[in-house]
């Protein structure tokens, strides 16, 4: 497995790096801690490229999915 880094250049030209594992497949394995801050910033900045990937599917662990569902129910319950 080849290990590469995705280099992201921010508006102030300070590069930040996300470690990614490329296996020759058309997919990449990254940690949630690495990807979420980038996605959160892109979404809050309303970046148009986020919409390009809106229908893409991601694979997450079952326990992470269950935590997300519980959090979703908690949010709906506390909003009512």
PDB file of N, CA and C in Angstrom:
ATOM      1  N   UNK A   1       0.854  -1.173   0.000  1.00  0.00           N
ATOM      2  CA  UNK A   1       0.000   0.000   0.000  1.00  0.00           C
ATOM      3  C   UNK A   1       0.898   1.233   0.000  1.00  0.00           C
ATOM      4  N   UNK A   2       0.670   2.107  -0.948  1.00  0.00           N
ATOM      5  CA  UNK A   2       1.436   3.331  -1.041  1.00  0.00           C
ATOM      6  C   UNK A   2       0.820   4.394  -0.149  1.00  0.00           C
ATOM      7  N   UNK A   3       1.662   5.099   0.560  1.00  0.00           N
ATOM      8  CA  UNK A   3       1.158   6.164   1.427  1.00  0.00           C
ATOM      9  C   UNK A   3       1.501   7.498   0.792  1.00  0.00           C
ATOM     10  N   UNK A   4       0.480   8.296   0.565  1.00  0.00           N
ATOM     11  CA  UNK A   4       0.653   9.628  -0.010  1.00  0.00           C
ATOM     12  C   UNK A   4      -0.063  10.627   0.862  1.00  0.00           C
ATOM     13  N   UNK A   5       0.211  11.869   0.619  1.00  0.00           N
ATOM     14  CA  UNK A   5      -0.480  12.924   1.347  1.00  0.00           C
ATOM     15  C   UNK A   5      -1.194  13.816   0.359  1.00  0.00           C
ATOM     16  N   UNK A   6      -2.384  14.235   0.748  1.00  0.00           N
ATOM     17  CA  UNK A   6      -3.139  15.213  -0.016  1.00  0.00           C
ATOM     18  C   UNK A   6      -2.738  16.576   0.509  1.00  0.00           C
ATOM     19  N   UNK A   7      -2.265  17.409  -0.354  1.00  0.00           N
ATOM     20  CA  UNK A   7      -1.821  18.721   0.071  1.00  0.00           C
ATOM     21  C   UNK A   7      -2.887  19.737  -0.275  1.00  0.00           C
ATOM     22  N   UNK A   8      -3.343  20.465   0.715  1.00  0.00           N
ATOM     23  CA  UNK A   8      -4.383  21.458   0.537  1.00  0.00           C
ATOM     24  C   UNK A   8      -3.761  22.831   0.752  1.00  0.00           C
ATOM     25  N   UNK A   9      -3.930  23.702  -0.223  1.00  0.00           N
ATOM     26  CA  UNK A   9      -3.405  25.061  -0.110  1.00  0.00           C
ATOM     27  C   UNK A   9      -4.559  25.967   0.295  1.00  0.00           C
ATOM     28  N   UNK A  10      -4.387  26.648   1.404  1.00  0.00           N
ATOM     29  CA  UNK A  10      -5.426  27.536   1.919  1.00  0.00           C
ATOM     30  C   UNK A  10      -5.261  28.927   1.310  1.00  0.00           C
ATOM     31  N   UNK A  11      -6.262  29.799   1.474  1.00  0.00           N
ATOM     32  CA  UNK A  11      -6.186  31.129   0.876  1.00  0.00           C
ATOM     33  C   UNK A  11      -4.923  31.911   1.254  1.00  0.00           C
ATOM     34  N   UNK A  12      -4.408  31.687   2.440  1.00  0.00           N
ATOM     35  CA  UNK A  12      -3.190  32.406   2.825  1.00  0.00           C
ATOM     36  C   UNK A  12      -1.935  31.642   2.408  1.00  0.00           C
ATOM     37  N   UNK A  13      -2.114  30.647   1.505  1.00  0.00           N
ATOM     38  CA  UNK A  13      -1.030  29.853   0.937  1.00  0.00           C
ATOM     39  C   UNK A  13      -0.249  29.049   1.952  1.00  0.00           C
ATOM     40  N   UNK A  14      -0.859  28.746   3.082  1.00  0.00           N
ATOM     41  CA  UNK A  14      -0.190  27.863   4.031  1.00  0.00           C
ATOM     42  C   UNK A  14      -0.699  26.450   3.806  1.00  0.00           C
ATOM     43  N   UNK A  15       0.184  25.554   3.370  1.00  0.00           N
ATOM     44  CA  UNK A  15      -0.270  24.197   3.068  1.00  0.00           C
ATOM     45  C   UNK A  15      -0.588  23.411   4.333  1.00  0.00           C
ATOM     46  N   UNK A  16      -1.622  22.597   4.259  1.00  0.00           N
ATOM     47  CA  UNK A  16      -1.915  21.640   5.313  1.00  0.00           C
ATOM     48  C   UNK A  16      -1.962  20.283   4.644  1.00  0.00           C
ATOM     49  N   UNK A  17      -1.675  19.250   5.381  1.00  0.00           N
ATOM     50  CA  UNK A  17      -1.550  17.924   4.795  1.00  0.00           C
ATOM     51  C   UNK A  17      -2.527  16.959   5.439  1.00  0.00           C
ATOM     52  N   UNK A  18      -3.143  16.145   4.621  1.00  0.00           N
ATOM     53  CA  UNK A  18      -4.015  15.069   5.084  1.00  0.00           C
ATOM     54  C   UNK A  18      -3.349  13.766   4.672  1.00  0.00           C
ATOM     55  N   UNK A  19      -3.049  12.901   5.641  1.00  0.00           N
ATOM     56  CA  UNK A  19      -2.477  11.601   5.315  1.00  0.00           C
ATOM     57  C   UNK A  19      -3.539  10.735   4.671  1.00  0.00           C
ATOM     58  N   UNK A  20      -3.201  10.125   3.565  1.00  0.00           N
ATOM     59  CA  UNK A  20      -4.150   9.271   2.856  1.00  0.00           C
ATOM     60  C   UNK A  20      -3.460   7.983   2.470  1.00  0.00           C
ATOM     61  N   UNK A  21      -4.211   6.905   2.441  1.00  0.00           N
ATOM     62  CA  UNK A  21      -3.688   5.604   2.052  1.00  0.00           C
ATOM     63  C   UNK A  21      -4.267   5.237   0.697  1.00  0.00           C
ATOM     64  N   UNK A  22      -3.416   5.197  -0.323  1.00  0.00           N
ATOM     65  CA  UNK A  22      -3.842   4.848  -1.668  1.00  0.00           C
ATOM     66  C   UNK A  22      -3.498   3.387  -1.904  1.00  0.00           C
ATOM     67  N   UNK A  23      -4.461   2.598  -2.295  1.00  0.00           N
ATOM     68  CA  UNK A  23      -4.233   1.167  -2.501  1.00  0.00           C
ATOM     69  C   UNK A  23      -4.293   0.777  -3.973  1.00  0.00           C
ATOM     70  N   UNK A  24      -4.265   1.731  -4.875  1.00  0.00           N
ATOM     71  CA  UNK A  24      -4.413   1.423  -6.288  1.00  0.00           C
ATOM     72  C   UNK A  24      -5.868   1.386  -6.722  1.00  0.00           C
ATOM     73  N   UNK A  25      -6.775   1.387  -5.769  1.00  0.00           N
ATOM     74  CA  UNK A  25      -8.204   1.414  -6.041  1.00  0.00           C
ATOM     75  C   UNK A  25      -8.639   2.870  -6.205  1.00  0.00           C
ATOM     76  N   UNK A  26      -9.832   3.106  -6.744  1.00  0.00           N
ATOM     77  CA  UNK A  26     -10.298   4.489  -6.892  1.00  0.00           C
ATOM     78  C   UNK A  26     -10.844   5.065  -5.587  1.00  0.00           C
ATOM     79  N   UNK A  27     -10.338   4.588  -4.468  1.00  0.00           N
ATOM     80  CA  UNK A  27     -10.772   5.093  -3.171  1.00  0.00           C
ATOM     81  C   UNK A  27      -9.546   5.375  -2.302  1.00  0.00           C
ATOM     82  N   UNK A  28      -9.763   6.133  -1.268  1.00  0.00           N
ATOM     83  CA  UNK A  28      -8.701   6.541  -0.359  1.00  0.00           C
ATOM     84  C   UNK A  28      -9.197   6.348   1.063  1.00  0.00           C
ATOM     85  N   UNK A  29      -8.339   5.919   1.956  1.00  0.00           N
ATOM     86  CA  UNK A  29      -8.712   5.760   3.358  1.00  0.00           C
ATOM     87  C   UNK A  29      -8.098   6.891   4.164  1.00  0.00           C
ATOM     88  N   UNK A  30      -8.945   7.655   4.846  1.00  0.00           N
ATOM     89  CA  UNK A  30      -8.502   8.739   5.720  1.00  0.00           C
ATOM     90  C   UNK A  30      -9.281   8.654   7.023  1.00  0.00           C
ATOM     91  N   UNK A  31      -8.755   9.261   8.057  1.00  0.00           N
ATOM     92  CA  UNK A  31      -9.474   9.253   9.331  1.00  0.00           C
ATOM     93  C   UNK A  31     -10.540  10.343   9.334  1.00  0.00           C
ATOM     94  N   UNK A  32     -11.538  10.140  10.152  1.00  0.00           N
ATOM     95  CA  UNK A  32     -12.609  11.123  10.310  1.00  0.00           C
ATOM     96  C   UNK A  32     -12.017  12.445  10.806  1.00  0.00           C
ATOM     97  N   UNK A  33     -11.061  12.361  11.711  1.00  0.00           N
ATOM     98  CA  UNK A  33     -10.436  13.571  12.264  1.00  0.00           C
ATOM     99  C   UNK A  33      -9.734  14.399  11.196  1.00  0.00           C
ATOM    100  N   UNK A  34      -9.264  13.744  10.162  1.00  0.00           N
ATOM    101  CA  UNK A  34      -8.578  14.466   9.093  1.00  0.00           C
ATOM    102  C   UNK A  34      -9.545  15.103   8.111  1.00  0.00           C
ATOM    103  N   UNK A  35     -10.642  14.446   7.827  1.00  0.00           N
ATOM    104  CA  UNK A  35     -11.527  14.907   6.755  1.00  0.00           C
ATOM    105  C   UNK A  35     -12.627  15.850   7.220  1.00  0.00           C
ATOM    106  N   UNK A  36     -13.147  15.642   8.436  1.00  0.00           N
ATOM    107  CA  UNK A  36     -14.284  16.452   8.881  1.00  0.00           C
ATOM    108  C   UNK A  36     -13.996  17.953   8.955  1.00  0.00           C
ATOM    109  N   UNK A  37     -12.866  18.378   9.486  1.00  0.00           N
ATOM    110  CA  UNK A  37     -12.631  19.835   9.510  1.00  0.00           C
ATOM    111  C   UNK A  37     -12.613  20.450   8.114  1.00  0.00           C
ATOM    112  N   UNK A  38     -12.068  19.723   7.145  1.00  0.00           N
ATOM    113  CA  UNK A  38     -12.052  20.236   5.773  1.00  0.00           C
ATOM    114  C   UNK A  38     -13.462  20.315   5.195  1.00  0.00           C
ATOM    115  N   UNK A  39     -14.251  19.265   5.408  1.00  0.00           N
ATOM    116  CA  UNK A  39     -15.632  19.275   4.913  1.00  0.00           C
ATOM    117  C   UNK A  39     -16.480  20.322   5.618  1.00  0.00           C
ATOM    118  N   UNK A  40     -16.304  20.450   6.920  1.00  0.00           N
ATOM    119  CA  UNK A  40     -17.081  21.442   7.675  1.00  0.00           C
ATOM    120  C   UNK A  40     -16.787  22.851   7.174  1.00  0.00           C
ATOM    121  N   UNK A  41     -15.516  23.143   6.943  1.00  0.00           N
ATOM    122  CA  UNK A  41     -15.144  24.476   6.453  1.00  0.00           C
ATOM    123  C   UNK A  41     -15.688  24.696   5.048  1.00  0.00           C
ATOM    124  N   UNK A  42     -15.588  23.681   4.204  1.00  0.00           N
ATOM    125  CA  UNK A  42     -16.083  23.797   2.830  1.00  0.00           C
ATOM    126  C   UNK A  42     -17.593  24.000   2.810  1.00  0.00           C
ATOM    127  N   UNK A  43     -18.297  23.300   3.685  1.00  0.00           N
ATOM    128  CA  UNK A  43     -19.754  23.453   3.744  1.00  0.00           C
ATOM    129  C   UNK A  43     -20.138  24.821   4.295  1.00  0.00           C
ATOM    130  N   UNK A  44     -19.455  25.258   5.345  1.00  0.00           N
ATOM    131  CA  UNK A  44     -19.809  26.568   5.920  1.00  0.00           C
ATOM    132  C   UNK A  44     -19.452  27.706   4.970  1.00  0.00           C
ATOM    133  N   UNK A  45     -18.472  27.483   4.100  1.00  0.00           N
ATOM    134  CA  UNK A  45     -18.103  28.492   3.103  1.00  0.00           C
ATOM    135  C   UNK A  45     -18.907  28.349   1.821  1.00  0.00           C
ATOM    136  N   UNK A  46     -19.821  27.366   1.818  1.00  0.00           N
ATOM    137  CA  UNK A  46     -20.687  27.128   0.666  1.00  0.00           C
ATOM    138  C   UNK A  46     -19.892  26.913  -0.622  1.00  0.00           C
ATOM    139  N   UNK A  47     -18.857  26.085  -0.535  1.00  0.00           N
ATOM    140  CA  UNK A  47     -18.035  25.779  -1.716  1.00  0.00           C
ATOM    141  C   UNK A  47     -18.848  24.959  -2.707  1.00  0.00           C
ATOM    142  N   UNK A  48     -18.825  25.348  -3.945  1.00  0.00           N
ATOM    143  CA  UNK A  48     -19.644  24.681  -4.952  1.00  0.00           C
ATOM    144  C   UNK A  48     -19.194  23.246  -5.212  1.00  0.00           C
ATOM    145  N   UNK A  49     -17.915  22.934  -5.035  1.00  0.00           N
ATOM    146  CA  UNK A  49     -17.446  21.584  -5.317  1.00  0.00           C
ATOM    147  C   UNK A  49     -18.049  20.551  -4.368  1.00  0.00           C
ATOM    148  N   UNK A  50     -18.511  20.971  -3.191  1.00  0.00           N
ATOM    149  CA  UNK A  50     -19.130  20.033  -2.257  1.00  0.00           C
ATOM    150  C   UNK A  50     -20.382  19.430  -2.895  1.00  0.00           C
ATOM    151  N   UNK A  51     -21.126  20.242  -3.613  1.00  0.00           N
ATOM    152  CA  UNK A  51     -22.340  19.759  -4.284  1.00  0.00           C
ATOM    153  C   UNK A  51     -22.024  18.705  -5.335  1.00  0.00           C
ATOM    154  N   UNK A  52     -20.840  18.780  -5.941  1.00  0.00           N
ATOM    155  CA  UNK A  52     -20.438  17.794  -6.942  1.00  0.00           C
ATOM    156  C   UNK A  52     -20.365  16.387  -6.361  1.00  0.00           C
ATOM    157  N   UNK A  53     -20.116  16.293  -5.061  1.00  0.00           N
ATOM    158  CA  UNK A  53     -19.954  14.998  -4.409  1.00  0.00           C
ATOM    159  C   UNK A  53     -21.152  14.622  -3.540  1.00  0.00           C
ATOM    160  N   UNK A  54     -22.216  15.381  -3.601  1.00  0.00           N
ATOM    161  CA  UNK A  54     -23.372  15.179  -2.723  1.00  0.00           C
ATOM    162  C   UNK A  54     -23.994  13.793  -2.874  1.00  0.00           C
ATOM    163  N   UNK A  55     -23.941  13.206  -4.035  1.00  0.00           N
ATOM    164  CA  UNK A  55     -24.537  11.889  -4.247  1.00  0.00           C
ATOM    165  C   UNK A  55     -23.535  10.745  -4.091  1.00  0.00           C
ATOM    166  N   UNK A  56     -22.278  11.062  -3.843  1.00  0.00           N
ATOM    167  CA  UNK A  56     -21.286  10.016  -3.623  1.00  0.00           C
ATOM    168  C   UNK A  56     -21.567   9.308  -2.307  1.00  0.00           C
ATOM    169  N   UNK A  57     -21.268   8.037  -2.274  1.00  0.00           N
ATOM    170  CA  UNK A  57     -21.452   7.272  -1.044  1.00  0.00           C
ATOM    171  C   UNK A  57     -20.117   7.116  -0.336  1.00  0.00           C
ATOM    172  N   UNK A  58     -20.178   7.067   0.986  1.00  0.00           N
ATOM    173  CA  UNK A  58     -18.984   6.823   1.782  1.00  0.00           C
ATOM    174  C   UNK A  58     -19.224   5.591   2.638  1.00  0.00           C
ATOM    175  N   UNK A  59     -18.154   4.956   3.049  1.00  0.00           N
ATOM    176  CA  UNK A  59     -18.242   3.790   3.917  1.00  0.00           C
ATOM    177  C   UNK A  59     -17.730   4.194   5.295  1.00  0.00           C
ATOM    178  N   UNK A  60     -18.570   3.975   6.307  1.00  0.00           N
ATOM    179  CA  UNK A  60     -18.175   4.267   7.678  1.00  0.00           C
ATOM    180  C   UNK A  60     -18.392   3.015   8.520  1.00  0.00           C
ATOM    181  N   UNK A  61     -17.762   2.969   9.669  1.00  0.00           N
ATOM    182  CA  UNK A  61     -17.920   1.809  10.540  1.00  0.00           C
ATOM    183  C   UNK A  61     -19.338   1.778  11.117  1.00  0.00           C
ATOM    184  N   UNK A  62     -19.780   0.587  11.479  1.00  0.00           N
ATOM    185  CA  UNK A  62     -21.124   0.414  12.022  1.00  0.00           C
ATOM    186  C   UNK A  62     -21.297   1.204  13.323  1.00  0.00           C
ATOM    187  N   UNK A  63     -20.286   1.181  14.195  1.00  0.00           N
ATOM    188  CA  UNK A  63     -20.439   1.897  15.464  1.00  0.00           C
ATOM    189  C   UNK A  63     -20.506   3.401  15.262  1.00  0.00           C
ATOM    190  N   UNK A  64     -19.776   3.928  14.294  1.00  0.00           N
ATOM    191  CA  UNK A  64     -19.853   5.356  13.986  1.00  0.00           C
ATOM    192  C   UNK A  64     -21.252   5.691  13.463  1.00  0.00           C
ATOM    193  N   UNK A  65     -21.790   4.829  12.596  1.00  0.00           N
ATOM    194  CA  UNK A  65     -23.134   5.026  12.057  1.00  0.00           C
ATOM    195  C   UNK A  65     -24.169   5.040  13.176  1.00  0.00           C
ATOM    196  N   UNK A  66     -24.046   4.106  14.115  1.00  0.00           N
ATOM    197  CA  UNK A  66     -24.992   4.040  15.224  1.00  0.00           C
ATOM    198  C   UNK A  66     -24.915   5.289  16.103  1.00  0.00           C
ATOM    199  N   UNK A  67     -23.721   5.802  16.316  1.00  0.00           N
ATOM    200  CA  UNK A  67     -23.561   7.043  17.087  1.00  0.00           C
ATOM    201  C   UNK A  67     -24.205   8.204  16.344  1.00  0.00           C
ATOM    202  N   UNK A  68     -24.013   8.262  15.035  1.00  0.00           N
ATOM    203  CA  UNK A  68     -24.630   9.338  14.247  1.00  0.00           C
ATOM    204  C   UNK A  68     -26.151   9.269  14.299  1.00  0.00           C
ATOM    205  N   UNK A  69     -26.710   8.059  14.207  1.00  0.00           N
ATOM    206  CA  UNK A  69     -28.163   7.911  14.307  1.00  0.00           C
ATOM    207  C   UNK A  69     -28.675   8.353  15.674  1.00  0.00           C
ATOM    208  N   UNK A  70     -27.977   7.954  16.728  1.00  0.00           N
ATOM    209  CA  UNK A  70     -28.381   8.354  18.080  1.00  0.00           C
ATOM    210  C   UNK A  70     -28.307   9.865  18.223  1.00  0.00           C
ATOM    211  N   UNK A  71     -27.275  10.463  17.679  1.00  0.00           N
ATOM    212  CA  UNK A  71     -27.135  11.922  17.738  1.00  0.00           C
ATOM    213  C   UNK A  71     -28.257  12.602  16.958  1.00  0.00           C
ATOM    214  N   UNK A  72     -28.595  12.051  15.818  1.00  0.00           N
ATOM    215  CA  UNK A  72     -29.679  12.608  15.013  1.00  0.00           C
ATOM    216  C   UNK A  72     -30.996  12.569  15.780  1.00  0.00           C
ATOM    217  N   UNK A  73     -31.281  11.436  16.419  1.00  0.00           N
ATOM    218  CA  UNK A  73     -32.513  11.328  17.208  1.00  0.00           C
ATOM    219  C   UNK A  73     -32.500  12.308  18.371  1.00  0.00           C
ATOM    220  N   UNK A  74     -31.364  12.484  19.010  1.00  0.00           N
ATOM    221  CA  UNK A  74     -31.233  13.409  20.123  1.00  0.00           C
ATOM    222  C   UNK A  74     -31.510  14.844  19.670  1.00  0.00           C
ATOM    223  N   UNK A  75     -30.982  15.211  18.516  1.00  0.00           N
ATOM    224  CA  UNK A  75     -31.200  16.548  17.973  1.00  0.00           C
ATOM    225  C   UNK A  75     -32.670  16.789  17.667  1.00  0.00           C
ATOM    226  N   UNK A  76     -33.345  15.780  17.073  1.00  0.00           N
ATOM    227  CA  UNK A  76     -34.766  15.917  16.742  1.00  0.00           C
ATOM    228  C   UNK A  76     -35.590  16.013  18.015  1.00  0.00           C
ATOM    229  N   UNK A  77     -35.262  15.209  19.019  1.00  0.00           N
ATOM    230  CA  UNK A  77     -35.999  15.212  20.275  1.00  0.00           C
ATOM    231  C   UNK A  77     -35.829  16.533  21.005  1.00  0.00           C
ATOM    232  N   UNK A  78     -34.620  17.068  21.053  1.00  0.00           N
ATOM    233  CA  UNK A  78     -34.391  18.308  21.786  1.00  0.00           C
ATOM    234  C   UNK A  78     -34.906  19.524  21.020  1.00  0.00           C
ATOM    235  N   UNK A  79     -35.122  19.407  19.708  1.00  0.00           N
ATOM    236  CA  UNK A  79     -35.674  20.515  18.925  1.00  0.00           C
ATOM    237  C   UNK A  79     -37.182  20.619  19.086  1.00  0.00           C
ATOM    238  N   UNK A  80     -37.802  19.524  19.504  1.00  0.00           N
ATOM    239  CA  UNK A  80     -39.270  19.511  19.617  1.00  0.00           C
ATOM    240  C   UNK A  80     -39.767  20.203  20.848  1.00  0.00           C
TER     241      UNK A  80
END
